[in-house]
C-alpha atoms as a PDB file:
ATOM      1  CA  MET A   1      -0.170  -0.123   0.375  1.00  0.00           C
ATOM      2  CA  GLY A   2       1.501   3.337  -0.936  1.00  0.00           C
ATOM      3  CA  LEU A   3       1.234   6.410   1.284  1.00  0.00           C
ATOM      4  CA  ASP A   4      -0.399   8.473  -1.758  1.00  0.00           C
ATOM      5  CA  ARG A   5      -3.159   6.079  -1.741  1.00  0.00           C
ATOM      6  CA  ILE A   6      -4.598   7.574   1.798  1.00  0.00           C
ATOM      7  CA  GLN A   7      -6.945   9.551   1.834  1.00  0.00           C
ATOM      8  CA  LEU A   8      -7.223  10.826   5.775  1.00  0.00           C
ATOM      9  CA  THR A   9      -5.063  12.641   8.581  1.00  0.00           C
ATOM     10  CA  GLY A  10      -5.473  11.307  12.179  1.00  0.00           C
ATOM     11  CA  LYS A  11      -6.827  15.417  12.668  1.00  0.00           C
ATOM     12  CA  GLU A  12      -8.702  15.163   9.623  1.00  0.00           C
ATOM     13  CA  ILE A  13     -10.810  12.301  11.677  1.00  0.00           C
ATOM     14  CA  LEU A  14     -11.008  14.198  14.333  1.00  0.00           C
ATOM     15  CA  ASP A  15     -12.149  17.373  12.923  1.00  0.00           C
ATOM     16  CA  LYS A  16     -14.654  15.709  11.376  1.00  0.00           C
ATOM     17  CA  ASP A  17     -18.634  16.388  12.128  1.00  0.00           C
ATOM     18  CA  PHE A  18     -21.675  14.389  11.805  1.00  0.00           C
ATOM     19  CA  LYS A  19     -24.743  15.598  10.509  1.00  0.00           C
ATOM     20  CA  THR A  20     -27.266  14.475  13.797  1.00  0.00           C
ATOM     21  CA  ALA A  21     -30.916  13.542  13.215  1.00  0.00           C
ATOM     22  CA  ILE A  22     -34.050  11.996  15.510  1.00  0.00           C
ATOM     23  CA  ARG A  23     -32.763   9.160  16.293  1.00  0.00           C
ATOM     24  CA  GLY A  24     -29.264   9.213  14.500  1.00  0.00           C
ATOM     25  CA  TYR A  25     -26.029   7.362  16.308  1.00  0.00           C
ATOM     26  CA  ASN A  26     -24.885   8.291  20.388  1.00  0.00           C
ATOM     27  CA  GLN A  27     -22.656  11.241  18.864  1.00  0.00           C
ATOM     28  CA  GLU A  28     -20.587  10.786  22.775  1.00  0.00           C
ATOM     29  CA  GLU A  29     -20.113   6.944  20.789  1.00  0.00           C
ATOM     30  CA  VAL A  30     -19.278   7.877  17.772  1.00  0.00           C
ATOM     31  CA  ASP A  31     -16.384  10.347  19.703  1.00  0.00           C
ATOM     32  CA  GLN A  32     -14.915   7.448  21.888  1.00  0.00           C
ATOM     33  CA  TYR A  33     -15.249   4.751  18.349  1.00  0.00           C
ATOM     34  CA  LEU A  34     -13.120   7.780  16.221  1.00  0.00           C
ATOM     35  CA  ASP A  35     -11.117   8.522  19.418  1.00  0.00           C
ATOM     36  CA  THR A  36      -9.662   5.177  19.042  1.00  0.00           C
ATOM     37  CA  ILE A  37      -9.031   5.481  15.291  1.00  0.00           C
ATOM     38  CA  ILE A  38      -7.406   8.498  15.265  1.00  0.00           C
ATOM     39  CA  GLN A  39      -5.086   6.918  18.709  1.00  0.00           C
ATOM     40  CA  ASP A  40      -4.426   3.690  15.955  1.00  0.00           C
ATOM     41  CA  TYR A  41      -4.081   5.816  13.055  1.00  0.00           C
ATOM     42  CA  GLU A  42      -1.215   7.802  14.763  1.00  0.00           C
ATOM     43  CA  ALA A  43       0.274   4.666  15.811  1.00  0.00           C
ATOM     44  CA  PHE A  44       0.397   3.300  12.472  1.00  0.00           C
ATOM     45  CA  HIS A  45       1.915   6.616  11.417  1.00  0.00           C
ATOM     46  CA  GLN A  46       4.978   6.489  14.205  1.00  0.00           C
ATOM     47  CA  GLU A  47       5.388   3.154  12.732  1.00  0.00           C
ATOM     48  CA  ILE A  48       5.335   3.203   9.307  1.00  0.00           C
ATOM     49  CA  GLU A  49       7.915   6.223   9.729  1.00  0.00           C
ATOM     50  CA  ARG A  50      10.383   4.135  12.623  1.00  0.00           C
ATOM     51  CA  LEU A  51      10.726   1.703   9.696  1.00  0.00           C
ATOM     52  CA  LYS A  52      12.006   4.078   7.214  1.00  0.00           C
ATOM     53  CA  GLN A  53      14.024   4.786   8.774  1.00  0.00           C
ATOM     54  CA  GLU A  54      15.268   2.118   9.637  1.00  0.00           C
ATOM     55  CA  ASN A  55      15.193   0.874   5.669  1.00  0.00           C
ATOM     56  CA  GLU A  56      17.435   3.558   4.851  1.00  0.00           C
ATOM     57  CA  ARG A  57      19.930   2.765   8.059  1.00  0.00           C
ATOM     58  CA  LEU A  58      19.586  -0.546   6.731  1.00  0.00           C
ATOM     59  CA  LYS A  59      20.694   0.320   3.128  1.00  0.00           C
ATOM     60  CA  LYS A  60      23.339   2.314   3.890  1.00  0.00           C
ATOM     61  CA  GLN A  61      24.926   0.107   6.257  1.00  0.00           C
ATOM     62  CA  SER A  62      24.518  -2.692   3.356  1.00  0.00           C
ATOM     63  CA  ASP A  63      26.400  -0.053   0.990  1.00  0.00           C
ATOM     64  CA  GLN A  64      29.389   0.206   2.808  1.00  0.00           C
ATOM     65  CA  THR A  65      29.458  -3.210   3.798  1.00  0.00           C
ATOM     66  CA  THR A  66      29.751  -3.684   0.109  1.00  0.00           C
ATOM     67  CA  ARG A  67      32.410  -0.924  -1.082  1.00  0.00           C
ATOM     68  CA  THR A  68      34.734  -2.408   2.035  1.00  0.00           C
ATOM     69  CA  ARG A  69      34.316  -5.954   0.752  1.00  0.00           C
ATOM     70  CA  GLN A  70      38.158  -6.718  -1.313  1.00  0.00           C
ATOM     71  CA  PRO A  71      37.576  -8.761  -4.338  1.00  0.00           C
ATOM     72  CA  SER A  72      41.180  -9.515  -4.537  1.00  0.00           C
ATOM     73  CA  ALA A  73      41.901 -10.290  -0.631  1.00  0.00           C
ATOM     74  CA  THR A  74      39.400 -13.581  -1.384  1.00  0.00           C
ATOM     75  CA  GLY A  75      40.972 -14.667  -3.797  1.00  0.00           C
ATOM     76  CA  GLN A  76      44.209 -14.299  -2.545  1.00  0.00           C
ATOM     77  CA  VAL A  77      42.561 -16.026   0.507  1.00  0.00           C
ATOM     78  CA  ASN A  78      41.769 -19.349  -1.478  1.00  0.00           C
ATOM     79  CA  TYR A  79      45.125 -19.708  -3.157  1.00  0.00           C
ATOM     80  CA  ASP A  80      46.578 -20.298   0.849  1.00  0.00           C
ATOM     81  CA  ILE A  81      43.907 -22.539   1.068  1.00  0.00           C
ATOM     82  CA  LEU A  82      44.976 -24.570  -1.272  1.00  0.00           C
ATOM     83  CA  GLN A  83      48.560 -23.839  -1.256  1.00  0.00           C
ATOM     84  CA  ARG A  84      48.175 -25.568   2.460  1.00  0.00           C
ATOM     85  CA  VAL A  85      46.079 -28.479   1.361  1.00  0.00           C
ATOM     86  CA  SER A  86      48.451 -29.319  -1.029  1.00  0.00           C
ATOM     87  CA  ASN A  87      51.246 -29.236   1.549  1.00  0.00           C
ATOM     88  CA  LEU A  88      49.291 -31.697   3.818  1.00  0.00           C
ATOM     89  CA  GLU A  89      48.464 -34.099   1.071  1.00  0.00           C
ATOM     90  CA  LYS A  90      52.343 -33.774   0.773  1.00  0.00           C
ATOM     91  CA  ALA A  91      53.288 -34.393   4.469  1.00  0.00           C
ATOM     92  CA  VAL A  92      50.426 -36.904   4.818  1.00  0.00           C
ATOM     93  CA  PHE A  93      50.386 -39.287   1.521  1.00  0.00           C
ATOM     94  CA  GLY A  94      53.991 -38.246   0.601  1.00  0.00           C
ATOM     95  CA  ARG A  95      55.819 -37.117  -1.741  1.00  0.00           C
ATOM     96  CA  LYS A  96      55.594 -39.738  -4.164  1.00  0.00           C
ATOM     97  CA  TYR A  97      52.107 -38.783  -5.395  1.00  0.00           C
ATOM     98  CA  ALA A  98      53.162 -34.752  -5.177  1.00  0.00           C
ATOM     99  CA  ASP A  99      55.315 -35.474  -8.079  1.00  0.00           C
ATOM    100  CA  GLU A 100      52.743 -37.897 -10.456  1.00  0.00           C
END
């Protein structure tokens, strides 16, 4: 749901006046219900803002992590591991298998 689809603000809900008729709704009950809606609406708005800020923070953190990676360093680590495995094979199986 996009924020552009939101039609009312908490203030607009609060300021809404309903026409009264003979045997209409109980005005106090409507007011209490609207107060609850306003509180929920404001809580949702605050949560959306908090999530937006967290999303931006995580995007920046992800960007920084991506920038600090060094692909050449991981290639070097892989070469070191292969060299160690080769040395271990020579030590365990002897030089005759390594020379073949």
